[in-house]
Protein backbone atom coordinates (compact mmCIF):
# COMPACT_ATOMS: atom_id res chain seq x y z
CA MET A 1 0.00 0.00 0.00
CA SER A 2 2.81 2.36 0.88
CA GLU A 3 4.54 1.56 -2.42
CA ARG A 4 1.35 2.52 -4.31
CA ILE A 5 1.13 5.75 -2.36
CA GLY A 6 4.79 6.46 -3.04
CA LEU A 7 4.33 5.81 -6.76
CA ALA A 8 1.26 8.06 -6.86
CA ASP A 9 3.22 10.82 -5.14
CA ARG A 10 6.08 10.51 -7.59
CA ILE A 11 3.70 10.63 -10.54
CA GLU A 12 1.92 13.66 -9.12
CA ARG A 13 5.24 15.39 -8.41
CA ALA A 14 6.51 14.63 -11.92
CA TRP A 15 3.25 15.94 -13.39
CA THR A 16 3.21 19.17 -11.38
CA ASN A 17 6.85 19.86 -12.25
CA ARG A 18 6.06 19.92 -15.96
CA PRO A 19 5.37 23.24 -17.68
CA LEU A 20 1.77 24.24 -18.20
CA SER A 21 2.18 23.99 -21.98
CA ALA A 22 3.39 20.38 -21.70
CA GLN A 23 0.51 19.49 -19.39
CA LEU A 24 -2.01 20.99 -21.80
CA VAL A 25 -0.50 19.15 -24.78
CA VAL A 26 -0.55 15.85 -22.86
CA LEU A 27 -4.16 16.44 -21.84
CA ILE A 28 -5.19 17.33 -25.39
CA THR A 29 -3.42 14.28 -26.83
CA GLY A 30 -4.80 11.99 -24.13
CA LEU A 31 -8.36 13.23 -24.61
CA LEU A 32 -8.01 12.86 -28.37
CA ALA A 33 -6.70 9.30 -27.98
CA VAL A 34 -9.46 8.33 -25.55
CA GLY A 35 -12.10 9.87 -27.81
CA LEU A 36 -10.80 8.06 -30.88
CA THR A 37 -10.55 4.77 -28.97
CA MET A 38 -14.12 5.02 -27.74
CA SER A 39 -15.46 6.06 -31.13
CA GLY A 40 -13.49 3.27 -32.83
CA THR A 41 -14.82 0.70 -30.40
CA VAL A 42 -18.38 1.86 -30.96
CA MET A 43 -17.88 1.95 -34.73
CA ILE A 44 -16.40 -1.56 -34.87
CA GLY A 45 -19.20 -2.83 -32.67
CA LEU A 46 -21.86 -1.30 -34.87
CA LEU A 47 -20.14 -2.58 -38.02
CA GLN A 48 -19.93 -6.09 -36.58
CA ARG A 49 -23.59 -6.01 -35.68
CA HIS A 50 -24.48 -4.82 -39.16
CA LEU A 51 -22.38 -7.46 -40.92
CA ILE A 52 -23.73 -10.28 -38.74
CA SER A 53 -27.26 -9.09 -39.41
CA GLN A 54 -26.46 -9.40 -43.14
CA VAL A 55 -25.15 -12.93 -42.55
CA ASP A 56 -28.33 -13.76 -40.63
CA ALA A 57 -30.37 -12.45 -43.56
CA GLN A 58 -28.44 -14.73 -45.90
CA LEU A 59 -29.04 -17.69 -43.58
CA THR A 60 -32.80 -17.20 -43.67
CA SER A 61 -33.04 -16.44 -47.39
CA ASP A 62 -34.26 -18.91 -50.03
CA ALA A 63 -30.78 -19.32 -51.49
CA ALA A 64 -29.84 -22.08 -49.02
CA LEU A 65 -33.04 -24.03 -49.72
CA ARG A 66 -32.57 -23.74 -53.48
CA LEU A 67 -29.00 -24.94 -53.16
CA PHE A 68 -30.11 -27.92 -51.09
CA ASN A 69 -32.87 -28.81 -53.54
CA GLN A 70 -30.40 -28.67 -56.46
CA THR A 71 -27.58 -30.67 -54.88
CA GLY A 72 -28.86 -32.42 -51.81
CA ALA A 73 -31.04 -35.03 -53.44
CA ALA A 74 -28.31 -36.20 -55.75
CA ALA A 75 -25.45 -35.93 -53.33
CA SER A 76 -24.33 -38.92 -51.46
CA ASN A 77 -23.50 -38.73 -47.83
CA GLY A 78 -20.68 -36.28 -47.25
CA MET A 79 -20.26 -35.47 -50.92
CA ALA A 80 -19.00 -31.98 -51.62
CA SER A 81 -21.04 -29.68 -53.75
CA THR A 82 -19.62 -28.75 -57.11
CA VAL A 83 -21.45 -25.44 -56.92
CA PRO A 84 -19.25 -22.70 -55.38
CA THR A 85 -20.97 -21.62 -52.22
CA ALA A 86 -20.24 -20.47 -48.68
CA TYR A 87 -23.18 -22.41 -47.23
CA TYR A 88 -22.71 -25.51 -45.11
CA LEU A 89 -25.90 -27.63 -45.08
CA ARG A 90 -26.80 -30.61 -42.95
CA LEU A 91 -30.05 -32.60 -43.19
CA HIS A 92 -31.01 -34.60 -40.14
CA HIS A 93 -33.76 -37.25 -40.55
CA PRO A 94 -34.37 -40.51 -38.72
CA SER A 95 -34.32 -42.46 -42.00
CA ILE A 96 -30.93 -40.99 -42.98
CA ASP A 97 -27.89 -42.24 -41.19
CA PRO A 98 -25.55 -40.54 -41.14
CA ASP A 99 -26.90 -37.01 -41.83
CA GLN A 100 -26.73 -35.72 -45.36
CA VAL A 101 -24.16 -32.88 -45.65
CA THR A 102 -23.58 -30.39 -48.46
CA PHE A 103 -20.56 -28.01 -48.53
CA TYR A 104 -17.98 -26.44 -50.86
CA PRO A 105 -14.43 -27.72 -50.29
CA GLU A 106 -12.69 -24.36 -50.71
CA THR A 107 -14.96 -22.85 -48.08
CA THR A 108 -14.27 -25.60 -45.54
CA ALA A 109 -10.59 -25.48 -46.37
CA ALA A 110 -10.49 -21.78 -45.50
CA SER A 111 -12.91 -21.75 -42.56
CA GLY A 112 -13.03 -25.38 -41.37
CA THR A 113 -16.29 -27.14 -40.65
CA PRO A 114 -18.73 -25.80 -38.11
CA ILE A 115 -19.39 -27.65 -34.89
CA LEU A 116 -23.16 -27.73 -35.22
CA PRO A 117 -25.37 -27.81 -32.15
CA GLU A 118 -28.79 -29.47 -31.93
CA LEU A 119 -30.88 -26.36 -32.55
CA LEU A 120 -34.07 -28.23 -33.55
CA GLY A 121 -34.80 -31.86 -32.73
CA PRO A 122 -36.92 -34.18 -34.90
CA GLY A 123 -39.72 -34.06 -32.41
CA GLU A 124 -39.82 -30.31 -32.78
CA ALA A 125 -40.18 -30.36 -36.47
CA ARG A 126 -43.20 -28.55 -37.77
CA GLY A 127 -44.74 -28.67 -41.11
CA GLY A 128 -43.86 -25.94 -43.60
CA ALA A 129 -40.56 -24.39 -44.49
CA GLY A 130 -39.46 -20.85 -43.61
CA GLU A 131 -39.62 -21.15 -39.85
CA TYR A 132 -36.07 -20.61 -38.59
CA THR A 133 -34.50 -20.81 -35.17
CA GLN A 134 -32.62 -17.94 -33.63
CA ALA A 135 -29.22 -17.56 -35.27
CA VAL A 136 -26.25 -18.46 -33.09
CA THR A 137 -22.46 -18.29 -33.46
CA VAL A 138 -20.61 -21.61 -33.13
CA ALA A 139 -16.99 -22.71 -33.16
CA SER A 140 -15.17 -24.30 -36.06
CA SER A 141 -12.84 -27.19 -36.50
CA LYS A 142 -10.34 -24.53 -37.51
CA GLU A 143 -9.61 -22.32 -34.54
CA GLY A 144 -10.47 -18.70 -34.93
CA HIS A 145 -13.02 -19.16 -37.69
CA PRO A 146 -16.53 -19.13 -36.19
CA TRP A 147 -19.72 -19.83 -38.07
CA ARG A 148 -23.21 -18.46 -37.92
CA VAL A 149 -25.94 -21.17 -37.74
CA VAL A 150 -29.76 -21.46 -37.97
CA ALA A 151 -32.08 -24.46 -38.29
CA THR A 152 -35.41 -24.99 -39.99
CA THR A 153 -37.79 -27.84 -40.87
CA ILE A 154 -37.81 -29.20 -44.39
CA GLU A 155 -40.02 -31.78 -46.18
CA VAL A 156 -38.34 -35.03 -47.15
CA LYS A 157 -40.24 -36.73 -49.98
CA GLY A 158 -41.01 -40.40 -49.59
CA ALA A 159 -39.81 -40.55 -46.01
CA THR A 160 -41.59 -41.20 -42.77
CA PRO A 161 -41.86 -38.93 -40.94
CA SER A 162 -42.17 -36.50 -43.83
CA THR A 163 -40.07 -33.68 -42.28
CA GLY A 164 -36.48 -33.38 -41.23
CA VAL A 165 -34.23 -30.70 -39.76
CA LEU A 166 -32.04 -28.65 -42.08
CA THR A 167 -29.16 -26.83 -40.34
CA ILE A 168 -27.73 -23.93 -42.35
CA ALA A 169 -24.32 -22.40 -41.55
CA LEU A 170 -22.27 -19.55 -43.01
CA PRO A 171 -18.65 -18.74 -42.05
CA LEU A 172 -17.83 -15.44 -40.35
CA THR A 173 -14.38 -15.36 -41.89
CA ASP A 174 -15.24 -12.50 -44.25
CA VAL A 175 -16.88 -10.62 -41.38
CA GLN A 176 -13.81 -11.05 -39.22
CA HIS A 177 -11.54 -10.04 -42.08
CA THR A 178 -13.60 -6.92 -42.71
CA LEU A 179 -13.59 -6.04 -39.02
CA ARG A 180 -9.82 -6.60 -38.67
CA THR A 181 -9.11 -4.58 -41.80
CA THR A 182 -11.37 -1.77 -40.68
CA ALA A 183 -9.83 -1.82 -37.18
CA ALA A 184 -6.32 -1.75 -38.65
CA TYR A 185 -7.10 1.19 -40.95
CA PHE A 186 -8.88 3.02 -38.16
CA SER A 187 -5.96 2.40 -35.76
CA ILE A 188 -3.48 3.77 -38.29
CA ALA A 189 -5.71 6.75 -38.92
CA ALA A 190 -6.17 7.24 -35.16
CA VAL A 191 -2.42 7.19 -34.54
CA VAL A 192 -1.90 9.74 -37.31
CA ILE A 193 -4.72 11.89 -35.95
CA VAL A 194 -3.35 11.68 -32.39
CA PHE A 195 0.16 12.69 -33.47
CA ALA A 196 -1.18 15.41 -35.76
CA GLY A 197 -3.54 16.58 -33.01
CA GLY A 198 -0.66 16.60 -30.52
CA TRP A 199 1.48 18.71 -32.87
CA VAL A 200 -1.37 21.11 -33.64
CA GLY A 201 -2.25 21.24 -29.94
CA HIS A 202 1.38 22.03 -29.11
CA TRP A 203 1.39 24.84 -31.67
CA LEU A 204 -1.93 26.24 -30.48
CA VAL A 205 -0.92 26.04 -26.81
CA ARG A 206 2.39 27.82 -27.49
CA ARG A 207 0.56 30.46 -29.52
CA SER A 208 -2.11 30.87 -26.83
CA LEU A 209 0.44 31.07 -24.03
CA SER A 210 2.73 33.51 -25.84
CA PRO A 211 1.08 36.49 -24.03
CA LEU A 212 1.87 34.76 -20.73
CA ARG A 213 5.50 34.39 -21.77
CA SER A 214 5.47 38.08 -22.65
CA ILE A 215 4.09 38.83 -19.19
CA GLU A 216 6.81 36.63 -17.68
CA SER A 217 9.51 38.50 -19.62
CA THR A 218 8.08 41.85 -18.56
CA ALA A 219 7.91 40.73 -14.93
CA GLY A 220 11.58 39.73 -15.11
CA LYS A 221 12.54 43.19 -16.36
CA ILE A 222 10.47 44.81 -13.62
CA ALA A 223 12.12 42.58 -11.03
CA ALA A 224 15.48 43.81 -12.39
CA GLY A 225 14.43 47.36 -11.52
CA ASP A 226 12.84 48.73 -14.69
CA LEU A 227 9.45 49.89 -13.39
CA THR A 228 8.61 51.60 -16.69
CA GLN A 229 7.94 48.25 -18.36
CA ARG A 230 4.34 47.41 -19.23
CA VAL A 231 2.63 44.23 -20.40
CA ARG A 232 1.57 44.17 -24.04
CA PRO A 233 -2.20 44.69 -23.95
CA GLY A 234 -4.60 42.24 -25.54
CA PRO A 235 -8.33 42.11 -26.24
CA PRO A 236 -10.06 42.96 -22.94
CA SER A 237 -12.69 40.31 -23.65
CA THR A 238 -10.07 37.55 -23.21
CA GLU A 239 -8.68 36.30 -19.92
CA VAL A 240 -5.11 37.21 -20.89
CA GLY A 241 -6.18 40.65 -22.10
CA SER A 242 -8.04 41.31 -18.84
CA LEU A 243 -4.99 40.09 -16.91
CA ALA A 244 -2.73 42.41 -18.91
CA LEU A 245 -4.97 45.41 -18.15
CA SER A 246 -5.02 44.58 -14.43
CA LEU A 247 -1.24 44.09 -14.35
CA ASN A 248 -0.59 47.36 -16.19
CA SER A 249 -2.85 49.19 -13.75
CA MET A 250 -1.05 47.56 -10.83
CA LEU A 251 2.36 48.38 -12.32
CA THR A 252 1.35 52.01 -12.75
CA GLN A 253 0.37 52.18 -9.10
CA VAL A 254 3.57 50.41 -8.05
CA GLU A 255 5.68 52.81 -10.10
CA GLN A 256 3.84 55.80 -8.67
CA SER A 257 4.18 54.45 -5.14
CA PHE A 258 7.89 53.81 -5.68
CA GLU A 259 8.40 57.29 -7.07
CA ALA A 260 6.42 58.74 -4.17
CA ARG A 261 8.53 56.75 -1.72
CA GLN A 262 11.73 57.93 -3.36
CA ALA A 263 10.47 61.50 -3.30
CA SER A 264 9.47 61.10 0.34
CA GLU A 265 12.85 59.63 1.27
CA LYS A 266 14.61 62.43 -0.59
CA LYS A 267 12.38 64.94 1.15
CA ILE A 268 13.09 63.40 4.55
CA ARG A 269 16.85 63.36 3.93
CA ARG A 270 16.74 66.98 2.86
CA PHE A 271 14.53 67.84 5.84
CA VAL A 272 16.90 66.17 8.29
CA SER A 273 19.89 67.83 6.66
CA ASP A 274 18.26 71.27 6.74
CA ALA A 275 17.04 70.81 10.29
CA SER A 276 20.50 69.74 11.41
CA HIS A 277 22.00 72.74 9.67
CA GLU A 278 19.50 75.14 11.21
CA LEU A 279 19.99 73.73 14.71
CA ARG A 280 23.76 73.64 14.36
CA THR A 281 24.02 77.43 13.99
CA PRO A 282 22.34 78.47 17.28
CA LEU A 283 23.92 75.55 19.12
CA ALA A 284 27.37 76.61 17.90
CA ALA A 285 26.72 80.20 18.95
CA ILE A 286 25.46 79.17 22.41
CA SER A 287 28.38 76.76 22.85
CA GLY A 288 30.91 79.39 21.73
CA TYR A 289 29.61 82.08 24.05
CA CYS A 290 29.43 79.68 26.99
CA GLU A 291 33.00 78.48 26.36
CA LEU A 292 34.21 82.05 26.01
CA TYR A 293 32.50 83.03 29.26
CA SER A 294 33.85 80.03 31.15
CA MET A 295 37.39 80.91 30.06
CA GLY A 296 36.97 84.44 31.37
CA GLY A 297 37.20 85.96 27.94
CA VAL A 298 34.11 88.11 28.37
CA PRO A 299 34.68 91.53 29.90
CA ALA A 300 32.33 92.49 32.71
CA GLU A 301 30.78 95.26 30.70
CA ARG A 302 29.80 92.76 27.90
CA VAL A 303 28.40 89.95 30.08
CA GLU A 304 24.86 91.23 29.67
CA GLU A 305 25.32 91.40 25.87
CA VAL A 306 26.67 87.84 25.73
CA MET A 307 23.82 86.53 27.89
CA GLY A 308 21.37 88.29 25.61
CA ARG A 309 22.89 86.59 22.56
CA ILE A 310 22.69 83.23 24.29
CA SER A 311 19.04 83.89 25.17
CA SER A 312 18.14 84.98 21.63
CA GLU A 313 19.82 81.94 20.06
CA SER A 314 18.03 79.69 22.57
CA THR A 315 14.72 81.30 21.69
CA ARG A 316 15.46 80.87 17.98
CA MET A 317 16.29 77.21 18.52
CA ALA A 318 13.11 76.68 20.57
CA VAL A 319 11.01 78.22 17.78
CA LEU A 320 12.69 75.98 15.22
CA VAL A 321 12.13 72.86 17.35
CA GLU A 322 8.48 73.81 17.86
CA ASP A 323 8.03 74.28 14.10
CA LEU A 324 9.66 70.91 13.46
CA LEU A 325 7.32 69.27 15.96
CA THR A 326 4.33 70.89 14.25
CA LEU A 327 5.42 69.53 10.87
CA ALA A 328 6.05 66.09 12.41
CA ARG A 329 2.52 66.03 13.83
CA LEU A 330 1.12 67.01 10.43
CA ASP A 331 3.12 64.25 8.72
CA GLU A 332 1.82 61.72 11.26
CA GLY A 333 -1.72 62.65 10.29
CA ARG A 334 -2.87 63.27 13.84
CA PRO A 335 -6.63 63.84 14.01
CA LEU A 336 -7.85 67.41 13.95
CA GLU A 337 -10.48 68.82 16.29
CA PHE A 338 -13.08 70.15 13.87
CA THR A 339 -15.41 72.87 15.08
CA ASP A 340 -17.35 75.64 13.38
CA ILE A 341 -15.14 78.72 13.22
CA ASP A 342 -15.85 82.16 11.80
CA LEU A 343 -13.02 83.32 9.54
CA VAL A 344 -14.27 86.92 9.72
CA LYS A 345 -13.73 87.00 13.49
CA MET A 346 -10.28 85.47 13.07
CA ALA A 347 -9.49 88.10 10.45
CA ASP A 348 -10.60 90.83 12.90
CA ASN A 349 -8.18 89.39 15.47
CA ALA A 350 -5.43 89.33 12.83
CA VAL A 351 -6.04 93.05 12.17
CA PHE A 352 -5.45 93.87 15.84
CA ASP A 353 -2.40 91.57 15.96
CA LEU A 354 -0.87 93.34 12.98
CA GLN A 355 -1.57 96.73 14.60
CA ALA A 356 0.06 95.57 17.79
CA LEU A 357 3.16 94.27 15.97
CA ASP A 358 3.60 97.43 13.89
CA SER A 359 1.48 100.44 14.78
CA THR A 360 2.74 102.34 11.75
CA ARG A 361 0.80 100.15 9.34
CA THR A 362 -2.72 100.60 8.04
CA VAL A 363 -4.72 97.36 7.89
CA GLY A 364 -7.91 97.02 5.84
CA LEU A 365 -10.65 94.34 5.99
CA SER A 366 -12.82 93.86 2.89
CA SER A 367 -14.41 91.36 0.55
CA LEU A 368 -12.51 89.78 -2.33
CA GLU A 369 -14.10 92.28 -4.71
CA GLY A 370 -13.06 95.23 -2.56
CA ARG A 371 -16.55 95.87 -1.17
CA ARG A 372 -17.81 95.35 2.32
CA ALA A 373 -16.45 92.38 4.17
CA PRO A 374 -18.96 89.59 4.87
CA MET A 375 -20.63 89.52 8.26
CA SER A 376 -19.49 85.95 8.80
CA LEU A 377 -17.76 83.14 6.93
CA VAL A 378 -18.13 79.87 8.81
CA VAL A 379 -16.07 76.76 8.02
CA SER A 380 -15.50 73.48 9.85
CA ALA A 381 -11.85 73.37 10.89
CA ASP A 382 -9.40 73.02 13.76
CA ARG A 383 -9.44 76.44 15.46
CA ASP A 384 -5.89 76.26 16.85
CA ARG A 385 -4.38 75.16 13.56
CA ILE A 386 -6.15 77.83 11.51
CA ALA A 387 -5.10 80.41 14.10
CA GLN A 388 -1.52 79.22 13.59
CA VAL A 389 -1.93 79.79 9.84
CA PHE A 390 -3.06 83.36 10.43
CA THR A 391 -0.23 83.93 12.93
CA ASN A 392 2.46 82.63 10.56
CA LEU A 393 1.16 84.74 7.67
CA ILE A 394 0.95 88.03 9.58
CA GLY A 395 4.37 87.29 11.12
CA ASN A 396 5.86 86.90 7.65
CA ILE A 397 4.22 90.12 6.50
CA VAL A 398 5.65 92.10 9.44
CA ARG A 399 9.05 90.41 9.09
CA TYR A 400 9.59 90.79 5.35
CA THR A 401 7.75 93.98 4.34
CA PRO A 402 8.83 97.55 5.02
CA ALA A 403 7.53 99.20 8.18
CA GLY A 404 4.50 101.41 7.56
CA SER A 405 3.46 99.65 4.32
CA PRO A 406 -0.31 98.98 4.08
CA ILE A 407 -1.91 95.55 4.43
CA GLU A 408 -5.31 94.25 3.32
CA ILE A 409 -7.18 91.15 4.45
CA ALA A 410 -9.93 90.11 2.02
CA LEU A 411 -12.56 87.39 2.56
CA GLY A 412 -15.11 85.71 0.35
CA THR A 413 -16.06 82.47 -1.39
CA ALA A 414 -15.04 80.82 -4.64
CA ALA A 415 -16.76 77.65 -5.82
CA ASP A 416 -16.95 75.39 -2.74
CA TYR A 417 -14.21 77.15 -0.79
CA ALA A 418 -13.99 79.96 1.72
CA VAL A 419 -11.15 82.30 0.68
CA VAL A 420 -8.93 84.59 2.77
CA GLU A 421 -6.27 86.74 1.09
CA PHE A 422 -3.41 88.50 2.90
CA ARG A 423 -2.20 91.33 0.63
CA ASP A 424 0.98 93.24 1.36
CA HIS A 425 2.87 95.90 -0.57
CA GLY A 426 6.41 94.76 0.07
CA PRO A 427 9.12 93.57 -2.31
CA GLY A 428 7.23 90.39 -3.21
CA ILE A 429 8.80 87.13 -4.41
CA ALA A 430 10.35 86.33 -7.77
CA ASP A 431 8.29 84.16 -10.11
CA ARG A 432 10.90 81.38 -10.08
CA ASP A 433 10.66 81.11 -6.29
CA ARG A 434 6.89 81.41 -5.95
CA SER A 435 6.16 77.71 -6.56
CA ARG A 436 8.78 76.56 -4.06
CA VAL A 437 8.30 78.78 -1.04
CA PHE A 438 5.98 76.21 0.55
CA GLU A 439 8.85 73.71 0.66
CA ARG A 440 10.55 73.16 4.01
CA PHE A 441 13.62 75.33 4.58
CA TYR A 442 13.44 76.79 1.09
CA ARG A 443 14.85 80.34 0.85
CA SER A 444 15.03 82.67 -2.08
CA ASP A 445 17.54 84.60 0.02
CA SER A 446 19.66 82.16 2.02
CA SER A 447 20.51 84.74 4.67
CA ARG A 448 17.09 86.36 5.01
CA ASN A 449 15.59 83.98 7.57
CA ARG A 450 18.60 84.04 9.84
CA ARG A 451 18.84 87.80 9.62
CA SER A 452 15.16 88.25 10.38
CA GLY A 453 14.88 85.48 12.97
CA GLY A 454 12.58 83.14 11.00
CA SER A 455 12.87 79.35 10.97
CA GLY A 456 12.20 78.93 7.25
CA LEU A 457 9.21 76.69 8.00
CA GLY A 458 6.35 79.19 8.28
CA LEU A 459 4.83 78.70 4.82
CA ALA A 460 5.54 74.94 4.91
CA ILE A 461 3.45 74.75 8.10
CA VAL A 462 0.71 76.81 6.45
CA SER A 463 0.63 74.46 3.46
CA GLY A 464 0.63 71.37 5.72
CA ILE A 465 -2.24 72.63 7.88
CA LEU A 466 -4.36 73.60 4.88
CA GLY A 467 -3.61 70.25 3.22
CA ALA A 468 -4.83 68.45 6.35
CA HIS A 469 -8.09 70.42 5.99
CA HIS A 470 -8.32 69.59 2.24
CA GLY A 471 -7.63 73.21 1.50
CA ASN A 472 -5.07 75.09 -0.60
CA ALA A 473 -2.51 77.86 -0.38
CA ALA A 474 -1.17 79.95 -3.25
CA LEU A 475 0.88 83.08 -3.93
CA THR A 476 0.02 85.80 -6.41
CA LYS A 477 1.14 89.33 -7.11
CA THR A 478 -0.66 92.15 -5.32
CA LYS A 479 -2.16 94.77 -7.57
CA GLY A 480 0.14 97.75 -7.33
CA GLY A 481 3.11 95.65 -6.14
CA GLY A 482 3.68 93.20 -3.34
CA LEU A 483 2.64 89.67 -2.49
CA THR A 484 -0.78 88.12 -1.90
CA VAL A 485 -1.12 84.87 0.05
CA ARG A 486 -4.42 83.18 -0.78
CA ILE A 487 -5.74 80.42 1.47
CA GLU A 488 -8.81 78.26 0.73
CA LEU A 489 -10.83 76.10 3.11
CA PRO A 490 -13.75 73.84 2.10
CA LEU A 491 -17.20 75.21 2.86
CA PRO A 492 -19.61 72.99 4.78
CA ARG A 493 -22.39 71.39 2.72
CA PRO A 494 -24.92 72.80 2.46
CA GLN A 495 -23.47 76.24 3.06
CA ASN A 496 -25.88 78.68 4.70
CA GLU A 497 -26.02 81.66 2.40
CA ALA A 498 -26.77 83.87 5.35
CA MET A 499 -23.21 83.31 6.51
CA VAL A 500 -21.84 85.21 3.56
CA THR A 501 -24.00 88.29 3.55
CA GLY A 502 -22.25 91.60 3.31
CA ASP A 503 -23.28 94.09 5.95
CA ALA A 504 -20.06 94.97 7.72
CA ASP A 505 -17.97 98.03 7.21
CA SER A 506 -15.89 97.89 4.07
CA ALA A 507 -12.16 98.39 4.14
CA ALA A 508 -12.18 99.19 7.83
CA THR A 509 -8.96 100.98 8.65
CA VAL A 510 -7.35 100.90 12.12
C-alpha cells in the first residue's frame, strides 16, 4: 500500500513539475486518444452487428433451400457440392444415417467445418418451411473461424416422418476479415490523428500562451528594476487581455508608489539635513559664548550682551524645534479637532495683531471684490491650527515687508471654498521662487531667515495645515506691487447663504 502511495506521489510530483504547456499538450493528446478509442470501439461494434445481421439475412433467405434442392437429393453422404458456395448444409432425418451434408471444399478449407449444435430436434419439427431458429455463433474445426448457424424444418419426400431438420451455416471469416481490416485502418488513422492533433495542440498552446510568456519577460525586467515596463495589452474580452490590463494598472500604481517613496525619502533626507544645519548654527553660537564666558574671555561690561545673545539663540532654537514638531505632527496625520469657526472674526483678530506688531501700518478688511467684508464666513476646521496659519502669515508680513506699508485682508467664497487673502505691498517674491516657497527650509535669500529670525518653515506649516483640511494655499502678485497669500478652506455642505451676507464696514482701517 505504501509503495502505491509512493508511486502516486512521484507521478503527481513529476506531473506538477512539468510546464503548463506540456501538461495541456498531454491532456489534449490523451483526450483525443481516448475519444478516438471510444469512437473506434463503438464503430467496430456497430459494423460487426451490421455485418452479422447481413449474414443472418443470408441464412434465412431462399438461397440455401434452393442450393439444397439442387444438390442435396443427388449428393451422397458427405459429398462436396460442385457449386461454389459459402453455405454448409446438414439434413437430419431418422431415415438418414448418417446425416446428409452439403458443402464447398474451398470454403471448408479456408474456414473449417462448423461444430453444429442441436438447434431443432426431430420431435420439434413442424410442417412448412421458412420457420427458422434464432441464429447463433458456433466454433469451427479450424480455430479462430466461427460460423453463424440457424435451423429450420424441411419436407423429405417419400420418407416417414415427412419432415427433417435442415441446419444452415455460413462462415464469419469474411466478417472477421472486414472487421480486422477496418480496425487496422482506423488504428493507423487514429495514430496519425493523435500525433497530428498533438502537434497542432502544441502549436496552439504555445501560440495561446505567448502572451503569458510576454508577461513573464516583462515581470523579469520589472524585477530587475525597470518599473517603466508594461505588459503588451490584448483584447479585454479575453482572460489574458483582462490580466494584462489589471497588471498594467497595478504596475502604474507600483511605479507611482515607488516614485512617491523615493520622493518622500529624498524629502526626509533633505529635511533632516536642513534641520541639522539650522539647529547647528544656534547651538554653535550658544556653545561658543558659553565656552568664552567660562574661560573668562568676556569683559564684565559685555556679560549682559553675551547673555542676551545666548538667550536669543536659545529662543530661535526653541522656535525651530516647535516648528519641526508641528510639521512632524502634520506628517503623522494626527486627528484634527473640527469645530465651526468664523473666519471673519479670526481676520478681525489678525487686524489687531498686525496693529500691535507694527502700529505704523494701516490694515484694511474687505471682501474679495473690494466691497464690504462679509458679516461671517463659517467653516469646519481646527481652530488652533487655523489660528496658527493666520499667525504665521501676519508674522511673515511684518518680518519681510517695510515698516509702515499697508496691508489688506480680504474674505469671500469661490466655488466650494472659503477664501482669505493677505495682501501686502512689500518687495514680493520672484516668479521662479513662488512655486517653491511652501517647501521646508526653502529660501530665495539664504541669509534672510537668519537675519530676520525666521525658521524657514512658516509657509511649509501653512501648506501642511491647509492640506490636512483639504484646503489650498497659493501666492500671487498684489495689484500695485507686493505679495498676496491666498488660502482656501472647504465650505460645509450645504453652506448657509446667510453666513456670507455683506453688511459689515468695508475696508475698515485701524
